[in-house]
Amino acid sequence: MAGSAPRRRRLLCLEELMAQLREQGVEDRAEVKAAYLEADGHISIIRHDKR
């Protein structure tokens, strides 16, 4: 892509991921369907449907 800035890779350790999930009220990672590391460093999560 011409003119686009290069993306920076960032590794996230499991402990850091779990800490951020707890901040969002996730107690068990099995609750999470998908997690996305946003450009600002925050994690967006999509939970499994509760039925």
N, C-alpha and C. Protein backbone atom coordinates (compact mmCIF):
# COMPACT_ATOMS: atom_id res chain seq x y z
N MET A 1 0.85 -1.19 0.00
CA MET A 1 0.00 0.00 0.00
C MET A 1 0.88 1.24 0.00
N ALA A 2 0.77 1.98 -1.00
CA ALA A 2 1.58 3.18 -1.11
C ALA A 2 1.11 4.23 -0.11
N GLY A 3 2.07 4.84 0.57
CA GLY A 3 1.75 5.92 1.48
C GLY A 3 1.29 5.49 2.87
N SER A 4 1.15 4.20 3.10
CA SER A 4 0.72 3.77 4.43
C SER A 4 1.94 3.57 5.32
N ALA A 5 1.79 3.88 6.58
CA ALA A 5 2.88 3.74 7.54
C ALA A 5 3.09 2.26 7.86
N PRO A 6 4.32 1.85 8.09
CA PRO A 6 4.56 0.44 8.43
C PRO A 6 3.95 0.10 9.79
N ARG A 7 3.40 -1.09 9.89
CA ARG A 7 2.81 -1.53 11.16
C ARG A 7 3.90 -2.05 12.06
N ARG A 8 3.76 -1.78 13.35
CA ARG A 8 4.73 -2.26 14.34
C ARG A 8 4.15 -3.50 15.00
N ARG A 9 4.97 -4.52 15.11
CA ARG A 9 4.53 -5.74 15.80
C ARG A 9 4.78 -5.57 17.29
N ARG A 10 3.90 -6.15 18.07
CA ARG A 10 4.05 -6.12 19.51
C ARG A 10 3.67 -7.48 20.06
N LEU A 11 4.56 -8.06 20.82
CA LEU A 11 4.27 -9.33 21.46
C LEU A 11 3.58 -9.07 22.79
N LEU A 12 2.63 -9.90 23.11
CA LEU A 12 1.86 -9.75 24.33
C LEU A 12 1.96 -11.06 25.09
N CYS A 13 2.47 -11.00 26.30
CA CYS A 13 2.59 -12.23 27.08
C CYS A 13 1.23 -12.58 27.67
N LEU A 14 1.05 -13.84 28.03
CA LEU A 14 -0.22 -14.32 28.55
C LEU A 14 -0.63 -13.57 29.81
N GLU A 15 0.33 -13.28 30.69
CA GLU A 15 0.01 -12.57 31.93
C GLU A 15 -0.54 -11.18 31.65
N GLU A 16 0.04 -10.49 30.68
CA GLU A 16 -0.43 -9.15 30.33
C GLU A 16 -1.82 -9.21 29.71
N LEU A 17 -2.03 -10.21 28.85
CA LEU A 17 -3.34 -10.39 28.24
C LEU A 17 -4.40 -10.65 29.31
N MET A 18 -4.11 -11.57 30.23
CA MET A 18 -5.07 -11.90 31.28
C MET A 18 -5.35 -10.69 32.17
N ALA A 19 -4.35 -9.88 32.46
CA ALA A 19 -4.55 -8.68 33.27
C ALA A 19 -5.51 -7.72 32.57
N GLN A 20 -5.33 -7.54 31.28
CA GLN A 20 -6.23 -6.63 30.55
C GLN A 20 -7.64 -7.21 30.47
N LEU A 21 -7.75 -8.53 30.32
CA LEU A 21 -9.08 -9.14 30.29
C LEU A 21 -9.78 -8.98 31.64
N ARG A 22 -9.03 -9.16 32.74
CA ARG A 22 -9.63 -8.97 34.08
C ARG A 22 -10.13 -7.55 34.25
N GLU A 23 -9.40 -6.58 33.72
CA GLU A 23 -9.84 -5.18 33.80
C GLU A 23 -11.18 -4.98 33.10
N GLN A 24 -11.48 -5.85 32.14
CA GLN A 24 -12.75 -5.76 31.40
C GLN A 24 -13.80 -6.71 31.96
N GLY A 25 -13.52 -7.32 33.13
CA GLY A 25 -14.50 -8.16 33.78
C GLY A 25 -14.50 -9.61 33.35
N VAL A 26 -13.48 -10.05 32.63
CA VAL A 26 -13.39 -11.43 32.19
C VAL A 26 -12.65 -12.22 33.27
N GLU A 27 -13.30 -13.25 33.80
CA GLU A 27 -12.68 -14.07 34.84
C GLU A 27 -11.99 -15.30 34.27
N ASP A 28 -12.47 -15.80 33.14
CA ASP A 28 -11.93 -17.02 32.54
C ASP A 28 -11.76 -16.77 31.05
N ARG A 29 -10.60 -17.11 30.52
CA ARG A 29 -10.37 -16.83 29.10
C ARG A 29 -11.28 -17.64 28.19
N ALA A 30 -11.94 -18.68 28.72
CA ALA A 30 -12.90 -19.45 27.94
C ALA A 30 -14.13 -18.60 27.58
N GLU A 31 -14.33 -17.48 28.28
CA GLU A 31 -15.43 -16.57 27.99
C GLU A 31 -15.19 -15.78 26.71
N VAL A 32 -13.94 -15.74 26.24
CA VAL A 32 -13.55 -14.87 25.13
C VAL A 32 -13.58 -15.64 23.81
N LYS A 33 -14.37 -15.13 22.89
CA LYS A 33 -14.43 -15.70 21.54
C LYS A 33 -13.28 -15.19 20.70
N ALA A 34 -12.98 -13.89 20.82
CA ALA A 34 -11.88 -13.27 20.07
C ALA A 34 -11.36 -12.08 20.86
N ALA A 35 -10.07 -11.80 20.69
CA ALA A 35 -9.45 -10.63 21.32
C ALA A 35 -8.58 -9.94 20.28
N TYR A 36 -8.66 -8.63 20.22
CA TYR A 36 -7.92 -7.85 19.23
C TYR A 36 -7.08 -6.79 19.93
N LEU A 37 -5.82 -6.73 19.58
CA LEU A 37 -4.94 -5.69 20.08
C LEU A 37 -5.10 -4.47 19.19
N GLU A 38 -5.63 -3.41 19.75
CA GLU A 38 -5.89 -2.18 19.00
C GLU A 38 -4.63 -1.35 18.84
N ALA A 39 -4.66 -0.40 17.94
CA ALA A 39 -3.51 0.44 17.64
C ALA A 39 -3.04 1.22 18.86
N ASP A 40 -3.97 1.54 19.77
CA ASP A 40 -3.61 2.32 20.95
C ASP A 40 -3.11 1.45 22.11
N GLY A 41 -3.02 0.12 21.88
CA GLY A 41 -2.50 -0.78 22.90
C GLY A 41 -3.56 -1.46 23.75
N HIS A 42 -4.81 -1.03 23.64
CA HIS A 42 -5.90 -1.66 24.38
C HIS A 42 -6.36 -2.93 23.67
N ILE A 43 -7.02 -3.78 24.41
CA ILE A 43 -7.54 -5.01 23.84
C ILE A 43 -9.05 -4.94 23.79
N SER A 44 -9.60 -5.20 22.61
CA SER A 44 -11.05 -5.31 22.43
C SER A 44 -11.39 -6.78 22.47
N ILE A 45 -12.47 -7.12 23.16
CA ILE A 45 -12.84 -8.53 23.25
C ILE A 45 -14.26 -8.75 22.74
N ILE A 46 -14.48 -9.94 22.22
CA ILE A 46 -15.80 -10.41 21.85
C ILE A 46 -16.02 -11.67 22.66
N ARG A 47 -17.08 -11.68 23.45
CA ARG A 47 -17.37 -12.83 24.31
C ARG A 47 -18.24 -13.83 23.57
N HIS A 48 -18.16 -15.08 24.02
CA HIS A 48 -19.07 -16.11 23.53
C HIS A 48 -20.48 -15.74 23.97
N ASP A 49 -21.46 -16.10 23.19
CA ASP A 49 -22.86 -15.86 23.56
C ASP A 49 -23.20 -16.67 24.80
N LYS A 50 -23.88 -16.04 25.75
CA LYS A 50 -24.36 -16.74 26.93
C LYS A 50 -25.76 -17.22 26.64
N ARG A 51 -25.93 -18.51 26.69
CA ARG A 51 -27.26 -19.07 26.37
C ARG A 51 -27.83 -19.75 27.56
